[in-house]
Amino acid sequence: MFLKENKFKNNYLVLCTSLIFFNSIPFKYLLAENIYIAVASNFLKPMKVLKENFESSNEGQIFISSGSSGSLYAQIINGAPLDIFLSADQDLPQKLEKTTKAVLGTRFTYATGKLVAYSTKKNLFSQTFPQILISNNVRYIGIGKPEYVPYGRAAKEVLESLNIFNEISSKLVLSKSVNQVFLMNYFGNTDIGFISKSDFLSNNKKGKMWDIPHNLYSPIKQDAILLKNGEKKNNAILFLKFLSSKNTKEHLKKFGYIFD
């Protein structure tokens, strides 16, 4: 009998403790709805700013998973519990529309990226683009893997448009994301690299950037799409509206993105 009473008292104490704990949490946080967003690496810094702005006026938190668009696409296809995909291209969100992983009719272009060349090697600063690419002082050129990284695909288009891809192919150092290309150049592991203008404006404390004419590569239209996992989440839908708003677009221009 004593054991039964003692067990009852213990359970009662656990229940009371739980009630006290939950009563100490503001009711709005108990109803908070968290969302999980897959973000292309070139958009990581802007996304962190947008996350802070969104969370300041909405309940719940945003959790970010970042990487190359190709790797994030693979995670989504393999069942990663993500609610929104912010790709660095249009192709992968379009592919998702043909699967059961995305919500048809929710895809839109949230920004158009700009490709630039970047170096921290001071002996190269006086050179011009594209002559710098065939300079004897340049041994290593960083680009994202074209098959996985949209900015890498654009970089390859530039080299092909200039008719120098075969000539300098032995100099190319391939990276798994455009952000990694930036880091390799930032720390001097490569002589020059093709990066997003956003990475340069967000992170640069040294180095030089060369603008690349838009006619040398296809527009880097970056699409967002709502995933099935987030279809019933109000915050996921609210975030996509927030992302497409005029105020957000004006803010993203500061990161080097362009809009039609």
Protein backbone atom coordinates (compact mmCIF):
# COMPACT_ATOMS: atom_id res chain seq x y z
CA MET A 1 0.00 0.00 0.00
CA PHE A 2 2.82 2.36 0.89
CA LEU A 3 4.42 1.79 -2.54
CA LYS A 4 1.19 2.64 -4.35
CA GLU A 5 0.71 5.83 -2.34
CA ASN A 6 4.34 6.83 -2.88
CA LYS A 7 4.01 6.22 -6.64
CA PHE A 8 0.85 8.32 -6.68
CA LYS A 9 2.59 11.18 -4.85
CA ASN A 10 5.52 11.07 -7.27
CA ASN A 11 3.23 11.22 -10.29
CA TYR A 12 1.31 14.08 -8.69
CA LEU A 13 4.54 16.01 -8.13
CA VAL A 14 5.58 15.47 -11.76
CA LEU A 15 2.19 16.73 -12.95
CA CYS A 16 2.34 19.81 -10.73
CA THR A 17 5.89 20.56 -11.83
CA SER A 18 4.87 20.28 -15.48
CA LEU A 19 1.91 22.61 -14.97
CA ILE A 20 4.11 25.17 -13.24
CA PHE A 21 6.64 24.95 -16.09
CA PHE A 22 4.06 25.42 -18.85
CA ASN A 23 2.30 28.21 -16.94
CA SER A 24 5.61 30.06 -16.73
CA ILE A 25 5.86 30.13 -20.56
CA PRO A 26 3.91 32.91 -22.27
CA PHE A 27 0.92 31.44 -24.11
CA LYS A 28 2.08 32.86 -27.45
CA TYR A 29 5.25 30.75 -27.34
CA LEU A 30 3.28 27.56 -26.72
CA LEU A 31 1.52 28.22 -30.03
CA ALA A 32 4.66 29.28 -31.85
CA GLU A 33 5.16 27.63 -35.20
CA ASN A 34 8.74 26.98 -36.30
CA ILE A 35 9.69 26.68 -39.96
CA TYR A 36 12.69 25.07 -41.65
CA ILE A 37 14.12 26.68 -44.75
CA ALA A 38 16.72 25.31 -47.20
CA VAL A 39 18.81 28.27 -48.39
CA ALA A 40 21.34 28.40 -51.24
CA SER A 41 24.74 29.43 -49.84
CA ASN A 42 24.89 32.73 -51.77
CA PHE A 43 21.73 33.84 -49.96
CA LEU A 44 22.81 32.83 -46.44
CA LYS A 45 23.83 36.28 -45.15
CA PRO A 46 20.72 38.05 -46.52
CA MET A 47 18.61 35.20 -45.15
CA LYS A 48 19.98 35.71 -41.65
CA VAL A 49 18.90 39.35 -41.81
CA LEU A 50 15.45 38.38 -43.15
CA LYS A 51 15.13 35.76 -40.41
CA GLU A 52 15.71 38.40 -37.74
CA ASN A 53 13.21 40.80 -39.33
CA PHE A 54 10.55 38.11 -39.76
CA GLU A 55 10.92 36.72 -36.24
CA SER A 56 10.65 40.21 -34.75
CA SER A 57 7.06 40.51 -35.95
CA ASN A 58 5.90 36.87 -36.04
CA GLU A 59 5.78 34.10 -33.45
CA GLY A 60 8.00 31.08 -33.91
CA GLN A 61 11.51 30.65 -35.21
CA ILE A 62 13.17 30.05 -38.56
CA PHE A 63 15.79 27.32 -38.78
CA ILE A 64 18.16 27.49 -41.74
CA SER A 65 19.83 24.68 -43.65
CA SER A 66 22.39 26.07 -46.11
CA GLY A 67 24.49 24.58 -48.89
CA SER A 68 24.69 24.32 -52.65
CA SER A 69 21.32 24.22 -54.39
CA GLY A 70 22.11 20.75 -55.70
CA SER A 71 22.87 19.31 -52.27
CA LEU A 72 19.75 20.89 -50.77
CA TYR A 73 17.64 19.49 -53.61
CA ALA A 74 19.03 16.02 -52.88
CA GLN A 75 18.12 16.41 -49.19
CA ILE A 76 14.56 17.37 -50.08
CA ILE A 77 14.16 14.45 -52.49
CA ASN A 78 15.48 12.11 -49.79
CA GLY A 79 12.85 13.26 -47.30
CA ALA A 80 14.50 16.02 -45.25
CA PRO A 81 11.75 17.74 -43.17
CA LEU A 82 12.09 21.16 -44.80
CA ASP A 83 9.26 23.64 -45.37
CA ILE A 84 10.65 26.05 -47.99
CA PHE A 85 13.40 25.85 -50.61
CA LEU A 86 15.26 29.02 -51.66
CA SER A 87 17.34 27.87 -54.61
CA ALA A 88 20.04 29.75 -56.52
CA ASP A 89 18.38 28.79 -59.80
CA GLN A 90 15.00 28.00 -61.36
CA ASP A 91 15.75 24.51 -62.62
CA LEU A 92 15.69 22.67 -59.29
CA PRO A 93 12.43 24.21 -57.99
CA GLN A 94 10.90 23.40 -61.40
CA LYS A 95 12.01 19.78 -61.01
CA LEU A 96 10.45 19.67 -57.54
CA GLU A 97 7.13 20.78 -59.03
CA LYS A 98 7.04 17.48 -60.90
CA THR A 99 7.37 15.49 -57.67
CA THR A 100 5.24 15.08 -54.55
CA LYS A 101 7.77 17.09 -52.52
CA ALA A 102 6.56 20.59 -53.46
CA VAL A 103 3.29 22.50 -53.65
CA LEU A 104 2.39 23.26 -57.26
CA GLY A 105 1.74 26.92 -58.00
CA THR A 106 3.87 28.35 -55.18
CA ARG A 107 7.14 28.86 -57.10
CA PHE A 108 8.33 32.41 -57.79
CA THR A 109 11.58 34.29 -58.44
CA TYR A 110 12.63 36.01 -55.23
CA ALA A 111 15.86 37.57 -56.59
CA THR A 112 18.24 37.62 -59.55
CA GLY A 113 21.88 37.18 -58.66
CA LYS A 114 24.97 38.82 -60.13
CA LEU A 115 28.19 36.97 -60.91
CA VAL A 116 31.50 38.75 -60.25
CA ALA A 117 35.19 37.87 -60.26
CA TYR A 118 37.04 38.30 -56.97
CA SER A 119 40.65 38.22 -55.77
CA THR A 120 42.68 39.15 -52.71
CA LYS A 121 46.02 38.97 -54.55
CA LYS A 122 47.27 42.56 -54.68
CA ASN A 123 49.55 41.88 -57.63
CA LEU A 124 46.41 41.27 -59.72
CA PHE A 125 44.47 44.41 -58.74
CA SER A 126 45.75 46.48 -61.67
CA GLN A 127 44.60 43.95 -64.25
CA THR A 128 41.33 44.10 -66.14
CA PHE A 129 38.63 41.52 -66.79
CA PRO A 130 38.68 39.22 -68.74
CA GLN A 131 42.41 39.52 -69.50
CA ILE A 132 43.18 38.64 -65.90
CA LEU A 133 41.89 35.08 -66.46
CA ILE A 134 44.69 34.26 -68.90
CA SER A 135 47.40 36.08 -66.97
CA ASN A 136 50.58 34.13 -66.20
CA ASN A 137 50.21 35.36 -62.61
CA VAL A 138 47.00 33.39 -62.22
CA ARG A 139 47.53 29.71 -61.44
CA TYR A 140 44.25 28.78 -59.76
CA ILE A 141 40.72 29.93 -60.58
CA GLY A 142 37.87 28.97 -58.26
CA ILE A 143 34.38 28.16 -59.52
CA GLY A 144 31.46 26.19 -58.12
CA LYS A 145 30.86 22.76 -59.61
CA PRO A 146 28.66 23.59 -62.62
CA GLU A 147 26.51 20.47 -62.22
CA TYR A 148 25.53 21.41 -58.62
CA VAL A 149 26.17 25.14 -58.22
CA PRO A 150 24.15 27.62 -60.35
CA TYR A 151 26.82 30.31 -59.99
CA GLY A 152 29.39 27.75 -61.10
CA ARG A 153 27.26 26.98 -64.12
CA ALA A 154 27.13 30.71 -64.91
CA ALA A 155 30.93 30.93 -64.51
CA LYS A 156 31.39 28.13 -67.02
CA GLU A 157 29.09 29.98 -69.44
CA VAL A 158 31.31 33.07 -69.07
CA LEU A 159 34.45 31.10 -69.90
CA GLU A 160 32.74 29.48 -72.88
CA SER A 161 31.40 32.85 -74.09
CA LEU A 162 34.96 34.20 -73.95
CA ASN A 163 36.23 31.10 -75.80
CA ILE A 164 38.85 30.41 -73.12
CA PHE A 165 37.29 27.48 -71.23
CA ASN A 166 39.58 24.84 -72.76
CA GLU A 167 42.60 27.12 -72.48
CA ILE A 168 42.28 27.62 -68.71
CA SER A 169 40.47 24.42 -67.67
CA SER A 170 43.65 23.12 -66.00
CA LYS A 171 43.59 26.16 -63.67
CA LEU A 172 40.04 25.55 -62.41
CA VAL A 173 39.48 24.54 -58.81
CA LEU A 174 35.92 23.25 -58.32
CA SER A 175 34.00 23.86 -55.10
CA LYS A 176 30.80 22.45 -53.68
CA SER A 177 29.22 25.90 -53.17
CA VAL A 178 29.73 29.48 -54.33
CA ASN A 179 30.34 30.50 -50.72
CA GLN A 180 33.26 28.06 -50.58
CA VAL A 181 34.69 29.72 -53.70
CA PHE A 182 34.56 33.04 -51.86
CA LEU A 183 36.35 31.58 -48.82
CA MET A 184 39.10 30.01 -50.94
CA ASN A 185 39.76 33.39 -52.50
CA TYR A 186 39.40 35.30 -49.25
CA PHE A 187 42.15 33.21 -47.64
CA GLY A 188 44.32 33.24 -50.76
CA ASN A 189 44.04 29.55 -51.66
CA THR A 190 43.11 30.52 -55.21
CA ASP A 191 44.19 33.55 -57.23
CA ILE A 192 40.78 34.57 -58.51
CA GLY A 193 37.27 33.16 -58.29
CA PHE A 194 33.75 33.51 -59.65
CA ILE A 195 31.44 34.40 -56.77
CA SER A 196 28.07 36.03 -56.15
CA LYS A 197 28.10 39.77 -55.68
CA SER A 198 26.12 39.14 -52.51
CA ASP A 199 29.03 37.22 -50.97
CA PHE A 200 31.40 40.07 -51.78
CA LEU A 201 29.14 42.77 -50.31
CA SER A 202 28.20 40.66 -47.27
CA ASN A 203 31.62 39.38 -46.26
CA ASN A 204 34.42 41.28 -47.93
CA LYS A 205 37.00 43.06 -45.81
CA LYS A 206 39.76 42.86 -48.38
CA GLY A 207 40.20 42.19 -52.06
CA LYS A 208 38.89 43.47 -55.36
CA MET A 209 35.80 42.69 -57.39
CA TRP A 210 35.40 42.81 -61.17
CA ASP A 211 31.89 43.12 -62.64
CA ILE A 212 31.10 40.63 -65.39
CA PRO A 213 28.95 41.73 -68.36
CA HIS A 214 25.48 40.18 -68.14
CA ASN A 215 25.55 39.12 -71.78
CA LEU A 216 28.25 36.53 -71.00
CA TYR A 217 25.94 34.32 -68.92
CA SER A 218 22.28 33.46 -68.51
CA PRO A 219 20.35 35.42 -65.85
CA ILE A 220 20.75 33.78 -62.44
CA LYS A 221 17.08 33.81 -61.46
CA GLN A 222 16.69 32.38 -57.97
CA ASP A 223 13.36 30.71 -57.25
CA ALA A 224 11.56 29.91 -54.01
CA ILE A 225 9.02 27.14 -53.58
CA LEU A 226 6.80 25.90 -50.77
CA LEU A 227 7.47 22.27 -49.87
CA LYS A 228 4.79 19.75 -48.87
CA ASN A 229 6.12 19.68 -45.31
CA GLY A 230 5.26 23.37 -44.93
CA GLU A 231 1.93 23.33 -46.78
CA LYS A 232 -0.15 23.54 -43.60
CA LYS A 233 2.16 25.92 -41.74
CA ASN A 234 0.87 29.49 -41.63
CA ASN A 235 4.36 30.83 -40.94
CA ALA A 236 5.73 29.20 -44.08
CA ILE A 237 3.09 30.93 -46.19
CA LEU A 238 3.60 34.22 -44.32
CA PHE A 239 7.35 34.04 -44.91
CA LEU A 240 6.92 33.58 -48.67
CA LYS A 241 4.65 36.66 -48.73
CA PHE A 242 7.25 38.54 -46.71
CA LEU A 243 10.00 37.42 -49.11
CA SER A 244 8.06 38.67 -52.14
CA SER A 245 7.18 42.03 -50.59
CA LYS A 246 8.40 45.35 -51.98
CA ASN A 247 10.20 46.21 -48.73
CA THR A 248 12.15 42.95 -48.79
CA LYS A 249 13.15 43.47 -52.43
CA GLU A 250 14.44 46.97 -51.63
CA HIS A 251 16.47 45.54 -48.79
CA LEU A 252 17.94 42.77 -50.95
CA LYS A 253 19.21 45.31 -53.48
CA LYS A 254 21.78 46.30 -50.84
CA PHE A 255 23.17 42.76 -51.10
CA GLY A 256 23.72 43.05 -54.84
CA TYR A 257 20.58 41.34 -56.10
CA ILE A 258 18.63 42.79 -58.99
CA PHE A 259 14.91 42.76 -59.79
CA ASP A 260 12.92 43.08 -63.00
